[in-house]
Amino acid sequence: MADLKLYYFPTSFYSQKVLMALFEKEATFREQIVFIVQGEQNEPWYMKVTPKGTVPALEAPGRVLTDSEDIVNYVDKELDTGTRLIPNPDTKIGQEVDKWRNLLNDVNVPVITFGTVFHQELSQTGLKFPSFLKSKLKSAKEVMQNGAKVLQEKADKYPELREHFLAKLSAQNERSAKTGNKEVVVQALDELDVLFEKIEDRLAETRKEQGVTDSWLVGSRFTMADINLAILLDRLTLLGLEERYFSPSKRPLIQDFYVRMGKRKSVQRVRQKFQSTMRIMVGRTLKKAIPVVVGLVGVAVGVFYWRGRAK
């Protein structure tokens, strides 16, 4: 088995996707949490692991993979363990899995996440954040500005990494402009409504094809398409958007999917990761100011929610 090391943060949307895939594959891997709440993703040591300075990143023999989809493609191909998550693309099911992975990957998760945080009136049932973090979220724009200042300072301090820090700064400014524009956020949420109609129809079609009520998105097998959908459903719940997109009375098949996927061992293991890191994360957060808004929302979006869910 390949020697693998995963750098991740347990509340990162894309880290969750990779973790769940690794658990479904029953993979053995070394791991290191990158505390984005402390800005560790911007430290020189990590920028040398991946110049993108993002999580997740997977060290594999002879390479470092930094895109979550590239990581799961590699893991599914190279690890002959667990289940096959990505069927042969020459088969009908393989083509369907590829289709739905692409559709779900096109969802602008950062805009939906940070946009809902910045425009909290868009959340229907309220952000699932603890009270002391809700007060900090009110100054999110100021935190974003401070984060930009930190990136510029690091670009000046570490000339050998200057190009990479400035690339991160540019990406952050672009994200800030989009999430600060309520019209852009609303458009992303509306586009998601259209996708969820297609997902509900696909689940109904799959049930009819399989003749059972416990099928997954494209068949009886749990695939990478299902992982992508499962992680997205969790994120929408954290943002208080679940009633807009799925509930027993609205898109009940997606609601049923959400309940059933919560019983999978891989999902439960991901939730245990949240619990095990919670105390460390909270302690670090309280001792030191959060340097970037990504870290702020990273704390809120996940750990405290899963603490309640795991009971």
Protein backbone atom coordinates (compact mmCIF):
# COMPACT_ATOMS: atom_id res chain seq x y z
CA MET A 1 0.00 0.00 0.00
CA ALA A 2 1.27 3.47 -0.87
CA ASP A 3 2.68 5.60 1.95
CA LEU A 4 0.19 8.46 2.26
CA LYS A 5 0.10 11.55 4.45
CA LEU A 6 -2.94 13.80 4.55
CA TYR A 7 -2.79 17.44 5.60
CA TYR A 8 -6.29 18.64 6.44
CA PHE A 9 -8.59 20.54 8.75
CA PRO A 10 -11.66 18.66 10.01
CA THR A 11 -14.21 21.39 9.26
CA SER A 12 -12.89 22.18 5.78
CA PHE A 13 -15.50 21.23 3.18
CA TYR A 14 -12.94 19.75 0.82
CA SER A 15 -11.05 18.01 3.63
CA GLN A 16 -14.29 16.31 4.65
CA LYS A 17 -14.74 14.97 1.13
CA VAL A 18 -11.27 13.43 1.08
CA LEU A 19 -11.56 12.03 4.60
CA MET A 20 -14.83 10.33 3.79
CA ALA A 21 -13.35 8.81 0.63
CA LEU A 22 -10.32 7.51 2.54
CA PHE A 23 -12.58 5.98 5.18
CA GLU A 24 -14.79 4.36 2.55
CA LYS A 25 -11.61 2.90 1.02
CA GLU A 26 -10.52 1.66 4.46
CA ALA A 27 -7.20 3.34 3.75
CA THR A 28 -4.21 3.54 6.06
CA PHE A 29 -2.63 6.99 6.08
CA ARG A 30 -0.67 9.36 8.26
CA GLU A 31 -2.35 12.64 9.04
CA GLN A 32 -1.54 16.15 10.15
CA ILE A 33 -4.15 18.74 11.05
CA VAL A 34 -3.37 22.18 9.64
CA PHE A 35 -4.99 24.64 12.02
CA ILE A 36 -6.45 27.19 9.67
CA VAL A 37 -7.91 28.90 12.75
CA GLN A 38 -4.33 29.91 13.53
CA GLY A 39 -3.33 30.65 9.96
CA GLU A 40 -1.04 27.60 9.73
CA GLN A 41 -1.98 27.21 6.07
CA ASN A 42 -0.03 30.43 5.47
CA GLU A 43 3.11 29.38 7.31
CA PRO A 44 6.25 28.88 5.17
CA TRP A 45 6.58 25.23 6.18
CA TYR A 46 3.15 24.44 4.76
CA MET A 47 3.55 26.65 1.71
CA LYS A 48 6.53 24.43 0.89
CA VAL A 49 4.27 21.37 1.08
CA THR A 50 1.81 23.05 -1.27
CA PRO A 51 2.38 26.55 -2.71
CA LYS A 52 -1.41 26.91 -2.86
CA GLY A 53 -1.48 27.02 0.94
CA THR A 54 -4.84 25.25 1.05
CA VAL A 55 -6.24 22.09 2.61
CA PRO A 56 -6.42 19.26 1.94
CA ALA A 57 -3.07 18.12 0.53
CA LEU A 58 -1.99 14.52 0.09
CA GLU A 59 1.64 13.46 0.07
CA ALA A 60 1.95 10.30 -2.03
CA PRO A 61 5.02 8.56 -3.46
CA GLY A 62 6.65 11.03 -5.84
CA ARG A 63 3.91 13.66 -5.71
CA VAL A 64 1.78 16.03 -3.69
CA LEU A 65 -1.88 16.33 -4.66
CA THR A 66 -3.76 19.48 -3.64
CA ASP A 67 -7.13 19.30 -5.41
CA SER A 68 -9.72 17.24 -3.55
CA GLU A 69 -11.00 15.61 -6.74
CA ASP A 70 -7.47 14.71 -7.84
CA ILE A 71 -6.88 13.20 -4.40
CA VAL A 72 -9.95 10.99 -4.45
CA ASN A 73 -9.21 9.92 -8.04
CA TYR A 74 -5.71 8.88 -6.98
CA VAL A 75 -6.86 7.11 -3.83
CA ASP A 76 -9.59 5.17 -5.62
CA LYS A 77 -7.23 4.07 -8.40
CA GLU A 78 -4.15 3.26 -6.34
CA LEU A 79 -5.67 1.67 -3.23
CA ASP A 80 -7.04 -1.79 -3.72
CA THR A 81 -8.99 -1.67 -0.48
CA GLY A 82 -12.55 -1.04 0.59
CA THR A 83 -15.07 -0.29 -2.12
CA ARG A 84 -14.57 1.14 -5.61
CA LEU A 85 -15.94 4.68 -5.47
CA ILE A 86 -15.42 5.65 -9.10
CA PRO A 87 -16.70 3.02 -11.55
CA ASN A 88 -15.13 2.52 -14.98
CA PRO A 89 -16.05 5.58 -17.10
CA ASP A 90 -16.75 3.27 -20.05
CA THR A 91 -19.75 1.83 -18.19
CA LYS A 92 -23.16 3.42 -17.84
CA ILE A 93 -22.86 3.78 -14.07
CA GLY A 94 -19.37 5.21 -14.48
CA GLN A 95 -20.67 7.88 -16.84
CA GLU A 96 -23.51 8.73 -14.46
CA VAL A 97 -21.13 9.03 -11.50
CA ASP A 98 -18.88 11.31 -13.55
CA LYS A 99 -21.86 13.44 -14.59
CA TRP A 100 -23.08 13.97 -11.03
CA ARG A 101 -19.60 14.56 -9.65
CA ASN A 102 -19.16 17.35 -12.18
CA LEU A 103 -22.54 18.90 -11.39
CA LEU A 104 -21.85 18.84 -7.65
CA ASN A 105 -18.30 20.15 -8.08
CA ASP A 106 -19.69 23.14 -9.97
CA VAL A 107 -21.52 24.30 -6.83
CA ASN A 108 -19.79 27.43 -5.54
CA VAL A 109 -19.41 26.26 -1.96
CA PRO A 110 -17.16 29.15 -0.80
CA VAL A 111 -19.64 31.77 -2.03
CA ILE A 112 -22.57 29.94 -0.44
CA THR A 113 -20.72 29.43 2.84
CA PHE A 114 -19.13 32.82 3.34
CA GLY A 115 -21.98 34.62 1.59
CA THR A 116 -24.51 33.19 4.06
CA VAL A 117 -22.23 34.14 6.95
CA PHE A 118 -21.94 37.72 5.66
CA HIS A 119 -25.67 37.95 4.84
CA GLN A 120 -27.18 36.00 7.71
CA GLU A 121 -30.71 36.97 6.76
CA LEU A 122 -30.41 34.37 3.97
CA SER A 123 -30.24 31.57 6.55
CA GLN A 124 -33.72 30.18 7.12
CA THR A 125 -33.20 28.30 10.39
CA GLY A 126 -30.16 30.23 11.63
CA LEU A 127 -26.45 29.54 11.55
CA LYS A 128 -25.56 26.54 13.71
CA PHE A 129 -22.76 28.41 15.50
CA PRO A 130 -22.14 28.91 19.24
CA SER A 131 -22.97 32.31 20.71
CA PHE A 132 -19.39 33.50 21.30
CA LEU A 133 -18.56 32.92 17.62
CA LYS A 134 -21.72 34.63 16.42
CA SER A 135 -20.48 37.85 17.97
CA LYS A 136 -17.15 37.49 16.15
CA LEU A 137 -18.89 36.92 12.84
CA LYS A 138 -20.29 40.44 13.00
CA SER A 139 -16.77 41.73 12.34
CA ALA A 140 -16.07 39.27 9.54
CA LYS A 141 -15.22 41.98 7.01
CA GLU A 142 -12.65 43.48 9.37
CA VAL A 143 -11.16 40.03 9.92
CA MET A 144 -10.93 39.58 6.15
CA GLN A 145 -9.06 42.85 5.85
CA ASN A 146 -6.64 41.78 8.57
CA GLY A 147 -6.12 38.50 6.75
CA ALA A 148 -5.18 40.36 3.58
CA LYS A 149 -2.68 42.41 5.57
CA VAL A 150 -1.10 39.23 6.98
CA LEU A 151 -0.69 37.74 3.50
CA GLN A 152 0.94 40.92 2.21
CA GLU A 153 3.32 40.99 5.17
CA LYS A 154 4.33 37.38 4.58
CA ALA A 155 4.88 38.08 0.89
CA ASP A 156 7.34 40.81 1.90
CA LYS A 157 8.98 38.71 4.63
CA TYR A 158 9.52 35.56 2.55
CA PRO A 159 10.65 36.63 -0.94
CA GLU A 160 11.14 33.03 -2.05
CA LEU A 161 7.41 32.47 -1.47
CA ARG A 162 6.25 35.93 -2.48
CA GLU A 163 4.54 34.80 -5.68
CA HIS A 164 2.49 32.20 -3.82
CA PHE A 165 1.42 34.55 -1.03
CA LEU A 166 0.36 37.18 -3.55
CA ALA A 167 -1.65 34.54 -5.45
CA LYS A 168 -3.46 33.69 -2.21
CA LEU A 169 -4.07 37.38 -1.56
CA SER A 170 -5.58 37.83 -5.01
CA ALA A 171 -7.84 34.80 -4.55
CA GLN A 172 -8.96 36.05 -1.13
CA ASN A 173 -9.79 39.50 -2.49
CA GLU A 174 -11.79 37.95 -5.31
CA ARG A 175 -13.72 35.74 -2.88
CA SER A 176 -14.36 38.68 -0.59
CA ALA A 177 -15.80 40.71 -3.44
CA LYS A 178 -18.18 37.91 -4.40
CA THR A 179 -19.33 36.98 -0.90
CA GLY A 180 -19.82 40.64 0.00
CA ASN A 181 -22.17 41.06 -2.96
CA LYS A 182 -25.57 39.81 -1.85
CA GLU A 183 -26.83 39.50 -5.44
CA VAL A 184 -24.00 37.10 -6.28
CA VAL A 185 -24.78 34.99 -3.22
CA VAL A 186 -28.51 34.89 -3.98
CA GLN A 187 -27.75 33.81 -7.54
CA ALA A 188 -25.60 30.93 -6.25
CA LEU A 189 -28.40 29.85 -3.89
CA ASP A 190 -30.97 30.00 -6.69
CA GLU A 191 -28.76 27.92 -8.98
CA LEU A 192 -28.51 25.34 -6.22
CA ASP A 193 -32.32 25.10 -6.14
CA VAL A 194 -32.28 24.08 -9.80
CA LEU A 195 -29.64 21.42 -9.13
CA PHE A 196 -31.58 20.00 -6.19
CA GLU A 197 -34.65 19.55 -8.35
CA LYS A 198 -32.51 17.44 -10.67
CA ILE A 199 -31.13 15.46 -7.74
CA GLU A 200 -34.61 14.70 -6.39
CA ASP A 201 -35.68 13.52 -9.85
CA ARG A 202 -32.53 11.39 -10.17
CA LEU A 203 -33.16 9.72 -6.81
CA ALA A 204 -36.74 8.94 -7.86
CA GLU A 205 -35.53 7.50 -11.15
CA THR A 206 -32.90 5.37 -9.41
CA ARG A 207 -35.46 3.96 -6.99
CA LYS A 208 -37.66 3.00 -9.92
CA GLU A 209 -34.75 1.38 -11.77
CA GLN A 210 -33.55 -0.54 -8.72
CA GLY A 211 -36.98 -1.42 -7.39
CA VAL A 212 -35.89 -0.58 -3.83
CA THR A 213 -36.15 2.39 -1.49
CA ASP A 214 -32.58 2.33 -0.18
CA SER A 215 -30.70 3.01 -3.42
CA TRP A 216 -28.16 5.82 -3.74
CA LEU A 217 -27.81 8.59 -6.30
CA VAL A 218 -27.13 6.49 -9.40
CA GLY A 219 -27.67 2.93 -8.23
CA SER A 220 -27.31 0.43 -5.42
CA ARG A 221 -23.61 1.27 -4.92
CA PHE A 222 -22.41 4.14 -2.74
CA THR A 223 -20.06 6.12 -4.99
CA MET A 224 -18.01 9.28 -5.06
CA ALA A 225 -21.07 11.12 -6.35
CA ASP A 226 -22.85 10.21 -3.10
CA ILE A 227 -19.91 11.48 -1.03
CA ASN A 228 -20.00 14.82 -2.83
CA LEU A 229 -23.72 15.12 -2.19
CA ALA A 230 -23.46 14.01 1.45
CA ILE A 231 -20.85 16.64 2.30
CA LEU A 232 -22.90 19.34 0.58
CA LEU A 233 -26.04 18.42 2.53
CA ASP A 234 -24.12 18.73 5.78
CA ARG A 235 -22.82 22.15 4.80
CA LEU A 236 -26.29 23.43 3.96
CA THR A 237 -27.58 22.18 7.31
CA LEU A 238 -24.79 24.00 9.13
CA LEU A 239 -25.74 27.20 7.34
CA GLY A 240 -29.40 26.85 8.28
CA LEU A 241 -30.43 26.26 4.65
CA GLU A 242 -31.72 22.71 4.96
CA GLU A 243 -35.41 23.65 4.89
CA ARG A 244 -34.90 25.53 1.65
CA TYR A 245 -33.35 22.56 -0.11
CA PHE A 246 -34.52 19.36 1.58
CA SER A 247 -36.90 18.26 4.32
CA PRO A 248 -39.60 15.60 4.84
CA SER A 249 -42.06 17.91 3.08
CA LYS A 250 -39.70 19.39 0.48
CA ARG A 251 -37.66 16.95 -1.62
CA PRO A 252 -38.26 14.01 0.74
CA LEU A 253 -35.98 11.67 -1.23
CA ILE A 254 -32.99 13.92 -0.57
CA GLN A 255 -34.04 14.08 3.08
CA ASP A 256 -34.13 10.28 3.18
CA PHE A 257 -30.69 10.15 1.54
CA TYR A 258 -29.36 12.49 4.23
CA VAL A 259 -30.71 10.35 7.07
CA ARG A 260 -29.39 7.10 5.58
CA MET A 261 -25.92 8.43 4.80
CA GLY A 262 -25.61 9.51 8.43
CA LYS A 263 -25.65 5.83 9.41
CA ARG A 264 -22.56 4.99 7.34
CA LYS A 265 -19.38 4.19 9.24
CA SER A 266 -17.35 6.62 7.13
CA VAL A 267 -19.61 9.51 8.10
CA GLN A 268 -19.48 8.55 11.75
CA ARG A 269 -15.68 8.43 11.63
CA VAL A 270 -15.53 11.90 10.10
CA ARG A 271 -17.78 13.17 12.89
CA GLN A 272 -15.50 11.57 15.47
CA LYS A 273 -12.62 13.55 13.96
CA PHE A 274 -14.56 16.70 14.66
CA GLN A 275 -15.11 15.71 18.25
CA SER A 276 -11.50 14.72 18.91
CA THR A 277 -10.12 18.02 17.62
CA MET A 278 -12.77 20.25 19.15
CA ARG A 279 -11.09 20.86 22.50
CA ILE A 280 -7.74 21.64 20.92
CA MET A 281 -9.31 23.97 18.39
CA VAL A 282 -11.40 25.86 20.89
CA GLY A 283 -8.41 26.24 23.20
CA ARG A 284 -6.25 27.65 20.43
CA THR A 285 -9.02 29.95 19.26
CA LEU A 286 -9.57 31.44 22.69
CA LYS A 287 -5.85 31.97 23.34
CA LYS A 288 -5.07 33.71 20.08
CA ALA A 289 -6.95 36.03 17.76
CA ILE A 290 -8.17 34.39 14.56
CA PRO A 291 -6.07 35.86 11.73
CA VAL A 292 -8.26 35.15 8.72
CA VAL A 293 -11.96 34.77 8.11
CA VAL A 294 -11.42 31.31 6.63
CA GLY A 295 -10.29 30.16 10.05
CA LEU A 296 -13.18 31.88 11.78
CA VAL A 297 -15.80 30.17 9.68
CA GLY A 298 -13.79 26.95 9.78
CA VAL A 299 -14.29 26.79 13.53
CA ALA A 300 -17.95 27.61 13.31
CA VAL A 301 -18.81 25.45 10.33
CA GLY A 302 -18.45 22.00 11.68
CA VAL A 303 -17.05 21.31 15.09
CA PHE A 304 -19.81 22.62 17.28
CA TYR A 305 -22.47 21.27 14.98
CA TRP A 306 -21.04 17.77 15.04
CA ARG A 307 -20.66 17.96 18.80
CA GLY A 308 -24.43 18.14 19.03
CA ARG A 309 -25.07 15.68 16.19
CA ALA A 310 -22.94 13.00 17.80
CA LYS A 311 -24.99 12.83 20.96
